[in-house]
Amino acid sequence: MQIVQKQNQLNISMNPIIINNFDEFNAYVGKELGVSDYIQITQQQINTFADATHDHQWIHVDEERCKTESPFKMTIAHGYLNLSVLPHLWEQVVEVRNSRLTVNYGIDKLKFMQAVTVGSRVRVRAKLSSLINLRGTSKAEIYAVLEIEDSKKPALEAHIIFLYHFV
């Protein structure tokens, strides 16, 4: 990742950080790892998520009703849809190599902070909060903020936990 400061504006040229082992990963504890590219949240994604989860609440899927009854005047993504894009976005920030197995272990301190309206673009900003070696398994806790383009308030904040089994 290359970061260049220009006239109070942060320019981020994103290449994922390459992690090959526990010691390399450990060097980043307490540091921001970077930000992903933006992805757009589409109505098709929202509808597919509604079908998969059986959550067809009108605020997510009824575009016409939302125009007149929703405070957002359009559909919004499910909170858990927003959460579900984190692993994909995380892989744009960090590429972990030499791991036989990677497990989504859990989520702590999840807070949904702002609705994501259809058509919005989101990205993740990630910081490595902690890394623990559990007898050969690396437990990484990442503080993740899902940012909404052109919004001061993020969609969500969470501490996501991955287990890496380095070879």
N, C-alpha and C. Protein backbone atom coordinates (compact mmCIF):
# COMPACT_ATOMS: atom_id res chain seq x y z
N MET A 1 0.85 -1.17 0.00
CA MET A 1 0.00 0.00 0.00
C MET A 1 0.88 1.23 0.00
N GLN A 2 0.55 2.15 -0.84
CA GLN A 2 1.30 3.40 -0.90
C GLN A 2 0.36 4.53 -0.49
N ILE A 3 0.78 5.31 0.48
CA ILE A 3 -0.04 6.43 0.95
C ILE A 3 0.74 7.71 0.73
N VAL A 4 0.11 8.68 0.08
CA VAL A 4 0.75 9.96 -0.21
C VAL A 4 -0.18 11.06 0.28
N GLN A 5 0.34 11.98 1.07
CA GLN A 5 -0.44 13.10 1.57
C GLN A 5 -0.35 14.25 0.58
N LYS A 6 -1.50 14.74 0.10
CA LYS A 6 -1.55 15.85 -0.84
C LYS A 6 -2.58 16.86 -0.37
N GLN A 7 -2.16 18.04 -0.03
CA GLN A 7 -3.04 19.14 0.32
C GLN A 7 -4.23 18.68 1.18
N ASN A 8 -3.93 18.12 2.33
CA ASN A 8 -4.95 17.65 3.29
C ASN A 8 -5.86 16.57 2.74
N GLN A 9 -5.47 15.93 1.67
CA GLN A 9 -6.28 14.86 1.11
C GLN A 9 -5.42 13.60 1.04
N LEU A 10 -5.94 12.51 1.56
CA LEU A 10 -5.21 11.26 1.59
C LEU A 10 -5.45 10.51 0.28
N ASN A 11 -4.38 10.22 -0.43
CA ASN A 11 -4.47 9.45 -1.66
C ASN A 11 -3.99 8.04 -1.35
N ILE A 12 -4.85 7.07 -1.52
CA ILE A 12 -4.49 5.70 -1.19
C ILE A 12 -4.45 4.87 -2.47
N SER A 13 -3.28 4.37 -2.78
CA SER A 13 -3.11 3.45 -3.89
C SER A 13 -3.05 2.06 -3.27
N MET A 14 -4.08 1.25 -3.50
CA MET A 14 -4.24 0.02 -2.73
C MET A 14 -3.70 -1.21 -3.43
N ASN A 15 -2.75 -1.83 -2.80
CA ASN A 15 -2.31 -3.18 -3.09
C ASN A 15 -2.40 -3.90 -1.77
N PRO A 16 -2.90 -5.12 -1.75
CA PRO A 16 -3.03 -5.78 -0.45
C PRO A 16 -1.67 -6.01 0.22
N ILE A 17 -1.66 -5.92 1.53
CA ILE A 17 -0.49 -6.27 2.31
C ILE A 17 -0.36 -7.79 2.24
N ILE A 18 0.84 -8.27 1.99
CA ILE A 18 1.08 -9.71 1.92
C ILE A 18 1.58 -10.19 3.28
N ILE A 19 0.89 -11.18 3.83
CA ILE A 19 1.27 -11.78 5.10
C ILE A 19 1.60 -13.25 4.84
N ASN A 20 2.81 -13.65 5.21
CA ASN A 20 3.25 -15.03 4.98
C ASN A 20 3.29 -15.89 6.24
N ASN A 21 3.31 -15.23 7.44
CA ASN A 21 3.42 -16.00 8.67
C ASN A 21 3.00 -15.14 9.86
N PHE A 22 2.99 -15.76 11.02
CA PHE A 22 2.56 -15.09 12.24
C PHE A 22 3.41 -13.86 12.53
N ASP A 23 4.74 -13.97 12.44
CA ASP A 23 5.62 -12.86 12.78
C ASP A 23 5.39 -11.65 11.89
N GLU A 24 5.19 -11.88 10.60
CA GLU A 24 4.89 -10.76 9.69
C GLU A 24 3.57 -10.10 10.07
N PHE A 25 2.57 -10.92 10.39
CA PHE A 25 1.26 -10.40 10.77
C PHE A 25 1.37 -9.61 12.08
N ASN A 26 2.12 -10.14 13.03
CA ASN A 26 2.25 -9.54 14.35
C ASN A 26 2.83 -8.12 14.28
N ALA A 27 3.63 -7.84 13.27
CA ALA A 27 4.23 -6.51 13.12
C ALA A 27 3.18 -5.42 12.88
N TYR A 28 1.97 -5.81 12.50
CA TYR A 28 0.90 -4.84 12.19
C TYR A 28 -0.07 -4.62 13.35
N VAL A 29 0.11 -5.29 14.48
CA VAL A 29 -0.82 -5.13 15.60
C VAL A 29 -0.86 -3.65 16.00
N GLY A 30 -2.09 -3.13 16.13
CA GLY A 30 -2.30 -1.74 16.51
C GLY A 30 -2.22 -0.76 15.36
N LYS A 31 -2.01 -1.26 14.16
CA LYS A 31 -1.86 -0.38 13.00
C LYS A 31 -3.03 -0.53 12.03
N GLU A 32 -3.34 0.57 11.36
CA GLU A 32 -4.31 0.49 10.28
C GLU A 32 -3.66 -0.25 9.11
N LEU A 33 -4.40 -1.19 8.56
CA LEU A 33 -3.87 -2.01 7.47
C LEU A 33 -4.21 -1.43 6.11
N GLY A 34 -5.27 -0.66 6.03
CA GLY A 34 -5.64 -0.03 4.77
C GLY A 34 -7.13 -0.04 4.55
N VAL A 35 -7.50 0.33 3.33
CA VAL A 35 -8.90 0.38 2.92
C VAL A 35 -9.06 -0.38 1.61
N SER A 36 -10.24 -0.94 1.43
CA SER A 36 -10.54 -1.66 0.20
C SER A 36 -11.03 -0.68 -0.86
N ASP A 37 -11.27 -1.21 -2.04
CA ASP A 37 -11.98 -0.46 -3.06
C ASP A 37 -13.45 -0.39 -2.66
N TYR A 38 -14.16 0.55 -3.25
CA TYR A 38 -15.61 0.62 -3.05
C TYR A 38 -16.30 -0.45 -3.89
N ILE A 39 -17.39 -0.99 -3.36
CA ILE A 39 -18.30 -1.81 -4.14
C ILE A 39 -19.69 -1.21 -4.02
N GLN A 40 -20.47 -1.37 -5.06
CA GLN A 40 -21.83 -0.82 -5.07
C GLN A 40 -22.81 -1.88 -4.60
N ILE A 41 -23.76 -1.45 -3.78
CA ILE A 41 -24.83 -2.33 -3.31
C ILE A 41 -26.03 -2.14 -4.24
N THR A 42 -26.41 -3.22 -4.91
CA THR A 42 -27.47 -3.16 -5.93
C THR A 42 -28.77 -3.75 -5.40
N GLN A 43 -29.86 -3.44 -6.09
CA GLN A 43 -31.15 -4.02 -5.72
C GLN A 43 -31.14 -5.53 -5.95
N GLN A 44 -30.43 -5.97 -6.98
CA GLN A 44 -30.34 -7.42 -7.22
C GLN A 44 -29.67 -8.12 -6.04
N GLN A 45 -28.60 -7.55 -5.49
CA GLN A 45 -27.96 -8.12 -4.30
C GLN A 45 -28.94 -8.18 -3.14
N ILE A 46 -29.66 -7.09 -2.93
CA ILE A 46 -30.62 -7.01 -1.83
C ILE A 46 -31.71 -8.07 -2.00
N ASN A 47 -32.24 -8.21 -3.21
CA ASN A 47 -33.29 -9.20 -3.46
C ASN A 47 -32.78 -10.62 -3.27
N THR A 48 -31.58 -10.88 -3.75
CA THR A 48 -30.98 -12.22 -3.60
C THR A 48 -30.76 -12.53 -2.12
N PHE A 49 -30.29 -11.54 -1.37
CA PHE A 49 -30.09 -11.73 0.07
C PHE A 49 -31.43 -11.97 0.77
N ALA A 50 -32.46 -11.24 0.36
CA ALA A 50 -33.80 -11.44 0.94
C ALA A 50 -34.28 -12.87 0.69
N ASP A 51 -34.06 -13.37 -0.52
CA ASP A 51 -34.46 -14.75 -0.83
C ASP A 51 -33.67 -15.75 0.02
N ALA A 52 -32.37 -15.52 0.16
CA ALA A 52 -31.53 -16.46 0.91
C ALA A 52 -31.87 -16.49 2.39
N THR A 53 -32.29 -15.35 2.94
CA THR A 53 -32.53 -15.26 4.39
C THR A 53 -34.02 -15.26 4.76
N HIS A 54 -34.88 -15.26 3.75
CA HIS A 54 -36.33 -15.20 3.96
C HIS A 54 -36.74 -13.91 4.65
N ASP A 55 -35.98 -12.86 4.45
CA ASP A 55 -36.29 -11.54 5.03
C ASP A 55 -36.71 -10.61 3.90
N HIS A 56 -38.00 -10.60 3.62
CA HIS A 56 -38.54 -9.80 2.53
C HIS A 56 -39.27 -8.56 3.05
N GLN A 57 -38.80 -8.02 4.15
CA GLN A 57 -39.42 -6.80 4.68
C GLN A 57 -39.44 -5.73 3.58
N TRP A 58 -40.53 -5.01 3.49
CA TRP A 58 -40.74 -4.07 2.38
C TRP A 58 -39.64 -3.02 2.28
N ILE A 59 -39.02 -2.62 3.39
CA ILE A 59 -37.99 -1.59 3.38
C ILE A 59 -36.78 -2.02 2.54
N HIS A 60 -36.67 -3.34 2.29
CA HIS A 60 -35.56 -3.87 1.50
C HIS A 60 -35.95 -4.15 0.04
N VAL A 61 -37.18 -4.59 -0.18
CA VAL A 61 -37.50 -5.13 -1.51
C VAL A 61 -38.61 -4.41 -2.28
N ASP A 62 -39.39 -3.58 -1.62
CA ASP A 62 -40.51 -2.92 -2.30
C ASP A 62 -40.13 -1.49 -2.69
N GLU A 63 -39.59 -1.37 -3.89
CA GLU A 63 -39.08 -0.07 -4.34
C GLU A 63 -40.18 0.99 -4.42
N GLU A 64 -41.36 0.62 -4.89
CA GLU A 64 -42.46 1.59 -5.03
C GLU A 64 -42.96 2.08 -3.67
N ARG A 65 -43.14 1.16 -2.74
CA ARG A 65 -43.61 1.54 -1.40
C ARG A 65 -42.58 2.43 -0.71
N CYS A 66 -41.31 2.12 -0.90
CA CYS A 66 -40.25 2.91 -0.28
C CYS A 66 -40.26 4.36 -0.75
N LYS A 67 -40.63 4.57 -2.00
CA LYS A 67 -40.66 5.94 -2.54
C LYS A 67 -41.61 6.83 -1.75
N THR A 68 -42.68 6.25 -1.21
CA THR A 68 -43.68 7.05 -0.50
C THR A 68 -43.66 6.89 1.02
N GLU A 69 -43.24 5.70 1.52
CA GLU A 69 -43.36 5.44 2.95
C GLU A 69 -42.04 5.39 3.72
N SER A 70 -40.96 5.17 3.03
CA SER A 70 -39.67 5.04 3.72
C SER A 70 -39.06 6.41 3.99
N PRO A 71 -38.44 6.59 5.14
CA PRO A 71 -37.74 7.86 5.39
C PRO A 71 -36.54 8.03 4.44
N PHE A 72 -36.09 6.94 3.83
CA PHE A 72 -34.94 7.00 2.92
C PHE A 72 -35.37 7.22 1.47
N LYS A 73 -36.67 7.04 1.19
CA LYS A 73 -37.26 7.22 -0.14
C LYS A 73 -36.76 6.21 -1.17
N MET A 74 -36.07 5.18 -0.69
CA MET A 74 -35.60 4.08 -1.54
C MET A 74 -35.32 2.89 -0.65
N THR A 75 -35.07 1.75 -1.24
CA THR A 75 -34.79 0.56 -0.44
C THR A 75 -33.44 0.68 0.24
N ILE A 76 -33.29 -0.11 1.30
CA ILE A 76 -32.01 -0.16 2.01
C ILE A 76 -31.54 -1.61 2.09
N ALA A 77 -30.25 -1.78 2.15
CA ALA A 77 -29.66 -3.12 2.29
C ALA A 77 -29.91 -3.65 3.70
N HIS A 78 -30.06 -4.95 3.80
CA HIS A 78 -30.14 -5.61 5.10
C HIS A 78 -28.82 -5.34 5.84
N GLY A 79 -28.89 -5.15 7.13
CA GLY A 79 -27.68 -4.97 7.91
C GLY A 79 -26.72 -6.13 7.75
N TYR A 80 -27.28 -7.35 7.72
CA TYR A 80 -26.43 -8.53 7.59
C TYR A 80 -25.88 -8.71 6.18
N LEU A 81 -26.52 -8.12 5.19
CA LEU A 81 -25.92 -8.09 3.85
C LEU A 81 -24.66 -7.23 3.89
N ASN A 82 -24.75 -6.08 4.53
CA ASN A 82 -23.58 -5.21 4.67
C ASN A 82 -22.46 -5.95 5.40
N LEU A 83 -22.80 -6.64 6.44
CA LEU A 83 -21.81 -7.41 7.19
C LEU A 83 -21.19 -8.51 6.33
N SER A 84 -22.00 -9.13 5.49
CA SER A 84 -21.53 -10.28 4.71
C SER A 84 -20.50 -9.91 3.64
N VAL A 85 -20.38 -8.65 3.27
CA VAL A 85 -19.38 -8.26 2.27
C VAL A 85 -18.00 -8.04 2.89
N LEU A 86 -17.91 -8.03 4.22
CA LEU A 86 -16.62 -7.77 4.87
C LEU A 86 -15.51 -8.74 4.48
N PRO A 87 -15.75 -10.06 4.47
CA PRO A 87 -14.64 -10.96 4.07
C PRO A 87 -14.12 -10.66 2.67
N HIS A 88 -15.00 -10.36 1.71
CA HIS A 88 -14.57 -10.02 0.35
C HIS A 88 -13.71 -8.75 0.37
N LEU A 89 -14.17 -7.75 1.07
CA LEU A 89 -13.43 -6.48 1.12
C LEU A 89 -12.12 -6.65 1.88
N TRP A 90 -12.12 -7.46 2.94
CA TRP A 90 -10.92 -7.74 3.72
C TRP A 90 -9.82 -8.30 2.83
N GLU A 91 -10.18 -9.17 1.90
CA GLU A 91 -9.19 -9.78 1.02
C GLU A 91 -8.53 -8.76 0.09
N GLN A 92 -9.14 -7.61 -0.09
CA GLN A 92 -8.52 -6.54 -0.87
C GLN A 92 -7.48 -5.78 -0.04
N VAL A 93 -7.60 -5.85 1.27
CA VAL A 93 -6.70 -5.14 2.18
C VAL A 93 -5.49 -6.00 2.52
N VAL A 94 -5.73 -7.26 2.84
CA VAL A 94 -4.66 -8.17 3.27
C VAL A 94 -4.78 -9.49 2.51
N GLU A 95 -3.66 -9.96 1.99
CA GLU A 95 -3.60 -11.28 1.39
C GLU A 95 -2.76 -12.17 2.30
N VAL A 96 -3.42 -13.13 2.92
CA VAL A 96 -2.73 -14.04 3.83
C VAL A 96 -2.32 -15.28 3.04
N ARG A 97 -1.03 -15.51 2.99
CA ARG A 97 -0.49 -16.68 2.27
C ARG A 97 -0.01 -17.71 3.29
N ASN A 98 0.20 -18.91 2.82
CA ASN A 98 0.75 -19.99 3.65
C ASN A 98 -0.19 -20.38 4.79
N SER A 99 -1.48 -20.17 4.59
CA SER A 99 -2.46 -20.61 5.58
C SER A 99 -3.18 -21.83 5.01
N ARG A 100 -3.08 -22.96 5.70
CA ARG A 100 -3.77 -24.18 5.26
C ARG A 100 -5.27 -24.03 5.33
N LEU A 101 -5.72 -23.23 6.29
CA LEU A 101 -7.15 -23.08 6.53
C LEU A 101 -7.39 -21.72 7.16
N THR A 102 -8.42 -21.04 6.68
CA THR A 102 -8.85 -19.78 7.26
C THR A 102 -10.30 -19.94 7.69
N VAL A 103 -10.60 -19.53 8.91
CA VAL A 103 -11.94 -19.69 9.47
C VAL A 103 -12.47 -18.34 9.93
N ASN A 104 -13.71 -18.01 9.51
CA ASN A 104 -14.41 -16.86 10.10
C ASN A 104 -14.84 -17.30 11.48
N TYR A 105 -14.17 -16.81 12.51
CA TYR A 105 -14.35 -17.32 13.87
C TYR A 105 -15.46 -16.60 14.64
N GLY A 106 -15.63 -15.31 14.38
CA GLY A 106 -16.66 -14.61 15.13
C GLY A 106 -16.65 -13.12 14.89
N ILE A 107 -17.58 -12.47 15.57
CA ILE A 107 -17.73 -11.02 15.49
C ILE A 107 -18.00 -10.52 16.90
N ASP A 108 -17.27 -9.52 17.32
CA ASP A 108 -17.51 -8.86 18.60
C ASP A 108 -17.88 -7.41 18.34
N LYS A 109 -18.67 -6.87 19.24
CA LYS A 109 -18.97 -5.44 19.25
C LYS A 109 -19.50 -4.92 17.92
N LEU A 110 -20.40 -5.69 17.31
CA LEU A 110 -21.03 -5.26 16.06
C LEU A 110 -22.05 -4.18 16.33
N LYS A 111 -21.96 -3.10 15.58
CA LYS A 111 -22.93 -2.02 15.72
C LYS A 111 -23.29 -1.51 14.33
N PHE A 112 -24.59 -1.59 14.00
CA PHE A 112 -25.08 -1.00 12.76
C PHE A 112 -25.34 0.47 13.02
N MET A 113 -24.73 1.33 12.24
CA MET A 113 -24.76 2.76 12.55
C MET A 113 -25.53 3.61 11.55
N GLN A 114 -25.62 3.15 10.32
CA GLN A 114 -26.26 3.96 9.28
C GLN A 114 -26.81 3.01 8.22
N ALA A 115 -28.01 3.30 7.74
CA ALA A 115 -28.59 2.49 6.66
C ALA A 115 -27.81 2.71 5.37
N VAL A 116 -27.70 1.65 4.59
CA VAL A 116 -27.05 1.72 3.28
C VAL A 116 -28.16 1.66 2.23
N THR A 117 -28.39 2.76 1.55
CA THR A 117 -29.44 2.80 0.53
C THR A 117 -28.96 2.14 -0.75
N VAL A 118 -29.91 1.62 -1.50
CA VAL A 118 -29.59 0.96 -2.77
C VAL A 118 -28.79 1.91 -3.66
N GLY A 119 -27.78 1.38 -4.31
CA GLY A 119 -26.92 2.18 -5.18
C GLY A 119 -25.73 2.79 -4.47
N SER A 120 -25.71 2.72 -3.13
CA SER A 120 -24.58 3.27 -2.38
C SER A 120 -23.34 2.42 -2.61
N ARG A 121 -22.20 3.06 -2.42
CA ARG A 121 -20.92 2.35 -2.52
C ARG A 121 -20.30 2.29 -1.13
N VAL A 122 -19.80 1.12 -0.78
CA VAL A 122 -19.20 0.91 0.53
C VAL A 122 -17.81 0.33 0.38
N ARG A 123 -16.99 0.54 1.41
CA ARG A 123 -15.65 -0.04 1.48
C ARG A 123 -15.32 -0.31 2.93
N VAL A 124 -14.29 -1.12 3.16
CA VAL A 124 -13.88 -1.40 4.53
C VAL A 124 -12.56 -0.70 4.82
N ARG A 125 -12.46 -0.19 6.04
CA ARG A 125 -11.22 0.32 6.60
C ARG A 125 -10.87 -0.63 7.73
N ALA A 126 -9.65 -1.15 7.72
CA ALA A 126 -9.30 -2.23 8.67
C ALA A 126 -8.05 -1.91 9.47
N LYS A 127 -8.11 -2.29 10.75
CA LYS A 127 -6.98 -2.15 11.67
C LYS A 127 -6.82 -3.47 12.41
N LEU A 128 -5.59 -3.95 12.53
CA LEU A 128 -5.35 -5.19 13.28
C LEU A 128 -5.30 -4.85 14.76
N SER A 129 -6.34 -5.24 15.50
CA SER A 129 -6.43 -4.94 16.92
C SER A 129 -5.55 -5.85 17.75
N SER A 130 -5.57 -7.15 17.41
CA SER A 130 -4.75 -8.09 18.17
C SER A 130 -4.47 -9.33 17.33
N LEU A 131 -3.41 -10.02 17.73
CA LEU A 131 -3.04 -11.28 17.10
C LEU A 131 -2.49 -12.18 18.20
N ILE A 132 -3.07 -13.36 18.32
CA ILE A 132 -2.66 -14.29 19.36
C ILE A 132 -2.31 -15.62 18.71
N ASN A 133 -1.21 -16.20 19.16
CA ASN A 133 -0.81 -17.53 18.70
C ASN A 133 -1.39 -18.56 19.65
N LEU A 134 -2.32 -19.35 19.16
CA LEU A 134 -2.97 -20.39 19.97
C LEU A 134 -2.42 -21.75 19.55
N ARG A 135 -1.23 -22.07 20.00
CA ARG A 135 -0.59 -23.36 19.68
C ARG A 135 -0.58 -23.63 18.17
N GLY A 136 -0.13 -22.65 17.40
CA GLY A 136 -0.01 -22.83 15.96
C GLY A 136 -1.15 -22.26 15.14
N THR A 137 -2.22 -21.90 15.79
CA THR A 137 -3.33 -21.23 15.11
C THR A 137 -3.28 -19.75 15.47
N SER A 138 -3.32 -18.90 14.47
CA SER A 138 -3.26 -17.46 14.70
C SER A 138 -4.67 -16.89 14.74
N LYS A 139 -5.01 -16.27 15.87
CA LYS A 139 -6.32 -15.64 16.04
C LYS A 139 -6.14 -14.14 15.84
N ALA A 140 -6.71 -13.64 14.74
CA ALA A 140 -6.58 -12.22 14.39
C ALA A 140 -7.90 -11.51 14.63
N GLU A 141 -7.83 -10.41 15.39
CA GLU A 141 -9.01 -9.58 15.60
C GLU A 141 -8.82 -8.29 14.82
N ILE A 142 -9.73 -8.04 13.88
CA ILE A 142 -9.64 -6.88 13.00
C ILE A 142 -10.77 -5.92 13.33
N TYR A 143 -10.41 -4.68 13.61
CA TYR A 143 -11.43 -3.64 13.79
C TYR A 143 -11.78 -3.16 12.39
N ALA A 144 -13.02 -3.43 11.98
CA ALA A 144 -13.47 -3.12 10.63
C ALA A 144 -14.56 -2.06 10.67
N VAL A 145 -14.42 -1.06 9.82
CA VAL A 145 -15.43 -0.02 9.66
C VAL A 145 -15.89 -0.05 8.21
N LEU A 146 -17.18 -0.30 8.01
CA LEU A 146 -17.73 -0.28 6.66
C LEU A 146 -18.19 1.14 6.37
N GLU A 147 -17.42 1.81 5.53
CA GLU A 147 -17.69 3.21 5.20
C GLU A 147 -18.62 3.30 3.99
N ILE A 148 -19.47 4.32 4.01
CA ILE A 148 -20.36 4.62 2.89
C ILE A 148 -19.79 5.84 2.18
N GLU A 149 -19.61 5.73 0.88
CA GLU A 149 -19.05 6.84 0.12
C GLU A 149 -19.89 8.10 0.32
N ASP A 150 -19.23 9.22 0.58
CA ASP A 150 -19.84 10.54 0.77
C ASP A 150 -20.73 10.62 2.01
N SER A 151 -20.50 9.77 2.99
CA SER A 151 -21.25 9.82 4.24
C SER A 151 -20.26 9.96 5.40
N LYS A 152 -20.59 10.84 6.33
CA LYS A 152 -19.72 11.01 7.50
C LYS A 152 -19.86 9.84 8.47
N LYS A 153 -21.00 9.19 8.45
CA LYS A 153 -21.28 8.10 9.38
C LYS A 153 -21.11 6.76 8.66
N PRO A 154 -20.41 5.81 9.27
CA PRO A 154 -20.25 4.50 8.63
C PRO A 154 -21.51 3.65 8.72
N ALA A 155 -21.57 2.63 7.88
CA ALA A 155 -22.69 1.69 7.92
C ALA A 155 -22.61 0.82 9.17
N LEU A 156 -21.39 0.39 9.50
CA LEU A 156 -21.23 -0.47 10.68
C LEU A 156 -19.79 -0.44 11.16
N GLU A 157 -19.64 -0.86 12.40
CA GLU A 157 -18.32 -1.09 13.00
C GLU A 157 -18.39 -2.45 13.67
N ALA A 158 -17.29 -3.19 13.59
CA ALA A 158 -17.26 -4.51 14.22
C ALA A 158 -15.82 -4.95 14.41
N HIS A 159 -15.63 -5.85 15.35
CA HIS A 159 -14.36 -6.53 15.52
C HIS A 159 -14.57 -7.92 14.94
N ILE A 160 -14.01 -8.17 13.76
CA ILE A 160 -14.16 -9.48 13.14
C ILE A 160 -12.94 -10.33 13.48
N ILE A 161 -13.19 -11.61 13.67
CA ILE A 161 -12.13 -12.51 14.13
C ILE A 161 -11.95 -13.64 13.11
N PHE A 162 -10.71 -13.81 12.68
CA PHE A 162 -10.35 -14.89 11.77
C PHE A 162 -9.32 -15.78 12.45
N LEU A 163 -9.36 -17.06 12.14
CA LEU A 163 -8.32 -17.99 12.55
C LEU A 163 -7.54 -18.38 11.31
N TYR A 164 -6.22 -18.29 11.40
CA TYR A 164 -5.33 -18.68 10.30
C TYR A 164 -4.46 -19.81 10.79
N HIS A 165 -4.35 -20.85 9.98
CA HIS A 165 -3.52 -22.01 10.29
C HIS A 165 -2.32 -21.96 9.34
N PHE A 166 -1.27 -21.24 9.75
CA PHE A 166 -0.08 -21.11 8.91
C PHE A 166 0.67 -22.44 8.82
N VAL A 167 1.23 -22.69 7.63
CA VAL A 167 2.01 -23.92 7.43
C VAL A 167 3.41 -23.73 7.98
